[in-house]
Amino acid sequence: MVGVDDLVRVWTLTGTPMGAERLGRYARALVAERPVGPYRALDDDQEDLAILSLVRVDRPHATIEDLHQMPPLALSGYHQMIHDLAREGLGPVPAAR
């Protein structure tokens, strides 16, 4: 699986406009929810949960309902972070069903 430092490195290389400390907070939040490894397609619910883990860095008490009520522009940066990982062949590991 991919570690926090690896995620920070990927986001830095893809041009995410944040410092390493803040990117580290997002990386820790993401890996706390799901391991990150080789890219696998996520269904909508799995992607929402991955994005929610990132949103909670900025809004610790956010819920899935809050996420669904946020304007798309407010979520675009979080979506981009997940998509940047995917472009590099990485992503949250989907939960087994």
C-alpha atoms as a PDB file:
ATOM      1  CA  MET A   1       0.000   0.000   0.000  1.00  0.00           C
ATOM      2  CA  VAL A   2       0.980   3.612  -0.497  1.00  0.00           C
ATOM      3  CA  GLY A   3       1.992   5.764   2.467  1.00  0.00           C
ATOM      4  CA  VAL A   4       1.310   9.359   3.418  1.00  0.00           C
ATOM      5  CA  ASP A   5       4.654  10.603   2.102  1.00  0.00           C
ATOM      6  CA  ASP A   6       3.982   8.961  -1.258  1.00  0.00           C
ATOM      7  CA  LEU A   7       0.606  10.705  -1.550  1.00  0.00           C
ATOM      8  CA  VAL A   8       2.144  14.061  -0.673  1.00  0.00           C
ATOM      9  CA  ARG A   9       4.814  13.490  -3.312  1.00  0.00           C
ATOM     10  CA  VAL A  10       2.204  12.632  -5.976  1.00  0.00           C
ATOM     11  CA  TRP A  11       0.059  15.662  -5.147  1.00  0.00           C
ATOM     12  CA  THR A  12       3.125  17.903  -5.173  1.00  0.00           C
ATOM     13  CA  LEU A  13       4.251  16.562  -8.554  1.00  0.00           C
ATOM     14  CA  THR A  14       0.763  16.978 -10.046  1.00  0.00           C
ATOM     15  CA  GLY A  15       0.733  20.618  -9.003  1.00  0.00           C
ATOM     16  CA  THR A  16      -1.724  20.622  -6.101  1.00  0.00           C
ATOM     17  CA  PRO A  17      -1.313  24.199  -4.835  1.00  0.00           C
ATOM     18  CA  MET A  18      -0.697  23.508  -1.131  1.00  0.00           C
ATOM     19  CA  GLY A  19       2.226  23.065   1.167  1.00  0.00           C
ATOM     20  CA  ALA A  20       3.497  19.647   2.194  1.00  0.00           C
ATOM     21  CA  GLU A  21       2.137  19.992   5.735  1.00  0.00           C
ATOM     22  CA  ARG A  22      -1.427  20.563   4.553  1.00  0.00           C
ATOM     23  CA  LEU A  23      -1.140  17.862   1.897  1.00  0.00           C
ATOM     24  CA  GLY A  24       0.032  15.542   4.670  1.00  0.00           C
ATOM     25  CA  ARG A  25      -3.176  16.199   6.600  1.00  0.00           C
ATOM     26  CA  TYR A  26      -5.227  15.240   3.543  1.00  0.00           C
ATOM     27  CA  ALA A  27      -3.095  12.142   2.959  1.00  0.00           C
ATOM     28  CA  ARG A  28      -3.435  10.999   6.580  1.00  0.00           C
ATOM     29  CA  ALA A  29      -7.201  11.521   6.445  1.00  0.00           C
ATOM     30  CA  LEU A  30      -7.521   9.534   3.231  1.00  0.00           C
ATOM     31  CA  VAL A  31      -5.440   6.554   4.366  1.00  0.00           C
ATOM     32  CA  ALA A  32      -7.214   6.513   7.732  1.00  0.00           C
ATOM     33  CA  GLU A  33     -10.468   5.752   5.895  1.00  0.00           C
ATOM     34  CA  ARG A  34      -9.191   3.362   3.193  1.00  0.00           C
ATOM     35  CA  PRO A  35      -5.799   2.028   2.248  1.00  0.00           C
ATOM     36  CA  VAL A  36      -4.419   3.579  -0.918  1.00  0.00           C
ATOM     37  CA  GLY A  37      -2.898   1.336  -3.548  1.00  0.00           C
ATOM     38  CA  PRO A  38      -3.024   0.650  -7.269  1.00  0.00           C
ATOM     39  CA  TYR A  39      -5.924   2.392  -8.978  1.00  0.00           C
ATOM     40  CA  ARG A  40      -9.236   0.580  -9.043  1.00  0.00           C
ATOM     41  CA  ALA A  41     -12.473   2.146 -10.196  1.00  0.00           C
ATOM     42  CA  LEU A  42     -14.706   3.361  -7.381  1.00  0.00           C
ATOM     43  CA  ASP A  43     -18.466   3.418  -7.502  1.00  0.00           C
ATOM     44  CA  ASP A  44     -20.193   6.695  -6.648  1.00  0.00           C
ATOM     45  CA  ASP A  45     -20.640   5.817  -2.965  1.00  0.00           C
ATOM     46  CA  GLN A  46     -16.989   4.819  -2.576  1.00  0.00           C
ATOM     47  CA  GLU A  47     -15.831   8.006  -4.278  1.00  0.00           C
ATOM     48  CA  ASP A  48     -18.112  10.071  -2.035  1.00  0.00           C
ATOM     49  CA  LEU A  49     -16.560   8.447   1.045  1.00  0.00           C
ATOM     50  CA  ALA A  50     -13.036   9.142  -0.218  1.00  0.00           C
ATOM     51  CA  ILE A  51     -13.932  12.776  -0.876  1.00  0.00           C
ATOM     52  CA  LEU A  52     -15.665  13.047   2.496  1.00  0.00           C
ATOM     53  CA  SER A  53     -12.435  11.983   4.200  1.00  0.00           C
ATOM     54  CA  LEU A  54     -10.692  14.922   2.492  1.00  0.00           C
ATOM     55  CA  VAL A  55     -13.516  17.364   3.251  1.00  0.00           C
ATOM     56  CA  ARG A  56     -13.305  16.448   6.938  1.00  0.00           C
ATOM     57  CA  VAL A  57      -9.793  17.881   7.074  1.00  0.00           C
ATOM     58  CA  ASP A  58     -11.414  21.294   6.616  1.00  0.00           C
ATOM     59  CA  ARG A  59     -14.840  20.526   8.127  1.00  0.00           C
ATOM     60  CA  PRO A  60     -14.285  17.833  10.786  1.00  0.00           C
ATOM     61  CA  HIS A  61     -17.965  17.199  11.451  1.00  0.00           C
ATOM     62  CA  ALA A  62     -19.077  16.978   7.818  1.00  0.00           C
ATOM     63  CA  THR A  63     -21.417  14.155   6.962  1.00  0.00           C
ATOM     64  CA  ILE A  64     -22.279  12.468   3.701  1.00  0.00           C
ATOM     65  CA  GLU A  65     -25.468  14.558   3.675  1.00  0.00           C
ATOM     66  CA  ASP A  66     -23.383  17.743   3.997  1.00  0.00           C
ATOM     67  CA  LEU A  67     -21.254  16.548   1.110  1.00  0.00           C
ATOM     68  CA  HIS A  68     -24.315  16.069  -1.089  1.00  0.00           C
ATOM     69  CA  GLN A  69     -25.538  19.583  -0.269  1.00  0.00           C
ATOM     70  CA  MET A  70     -22.244  21.314  -1.070  1.00  0.00           C
ATOM     71  CA  PRO A  71     -22.061  23.137  -4.400  1.00  0.00           C
ATOM     72  CA  PRO A  72     -19.972  21.296  -7.013  1.00  0.00           C
ATOM     73  CA  LEU A  73     -17.441  24.124  -7.118  1.00  0.00           C
ATOM     74  CA  ALA A  74     -16.836  23.745  -3.374  1.00  0.00           C
ATOM     75  CA  LEU A  75     -15.972  20.084  -3.948  1.00  0.00           C
ATOM     76  CA  SER A  76     -13.919  20.492  -7.110  1.00  0.00           C
ATOM     77  CA  GLY A  77     -10.543  20.679  -5.341  1.00  0.00           C
ATOM     78  CA  TYR A  78     -11.240  17.474  -3.431  1.00  0.00           C
ATOM     79  CA  HIS A  79     -12.381  15.712  -6.605  1.00  0.00           C
ATOM     80  CA  GLN A  80      -9.205  16.907  -8.308  1.00  0.00           C
ATOM     81  CA  MET A  81      -7.039  15.414  -5.575  1.00  0.00           C
ATOM     82  CA  ILE A  82      -8.661  11.996  -6.051  1.00  0.00           C
ATOM     83  CA  HIS A  83      -8.366  12.293  -9.836  1.00  0.00           C
ATOM     84  CA  ASP A  84      -4.701  13.336  -9.579  1.00  0.00           C
ATOM     85  CA  LEU A  85      -4.017  10.094  -7.736  1.00  0.00           C
ATOM     86  CA  ALA A  86      -5.915   8.130 -10.381  1.00  0.00           C
ATOM     87  CA  ARG A  87      -3.863   9.717 -13.171  1.00  0.00           C
ATOM     88  CA  GLU A  88      -0.779   8.445 -11.382  1.00  0.00           C
ATOM     89  CA  GLY A  89      -2.254   4.947 -11.096  1.00  0.00           C
ATOM     90  CA  LEU A  90      -3.250   5.215  -7.430  1.00  0.00           C
ATOM     91  CA  GLY A  91      -6.448   5.405  -5.462  1.00  0.00           C
ATOM     92  CA  PRO A  92      -8.373   4.354  -2.379  1.00  0.00           C
ATOM     93  CA  VAL A  93      -8.860   0.594  -2.304  1.00  0.00           C
ATOM     94  CA  PRO A  94     -12.564  -0.175  -2.694  1.00  0.00           C
ATOM     95  CA  ALA A  95     -14.137  -2.034   0.212  1.00  0.00           C
ATOM     96  CA  ALA A  96     -14.827  -5.697  -0.450  1.00  0.00           C
ATOM     97  CA  ARG A  97     -18.489  -6.420  -1.116  1.00  0.00           C
END
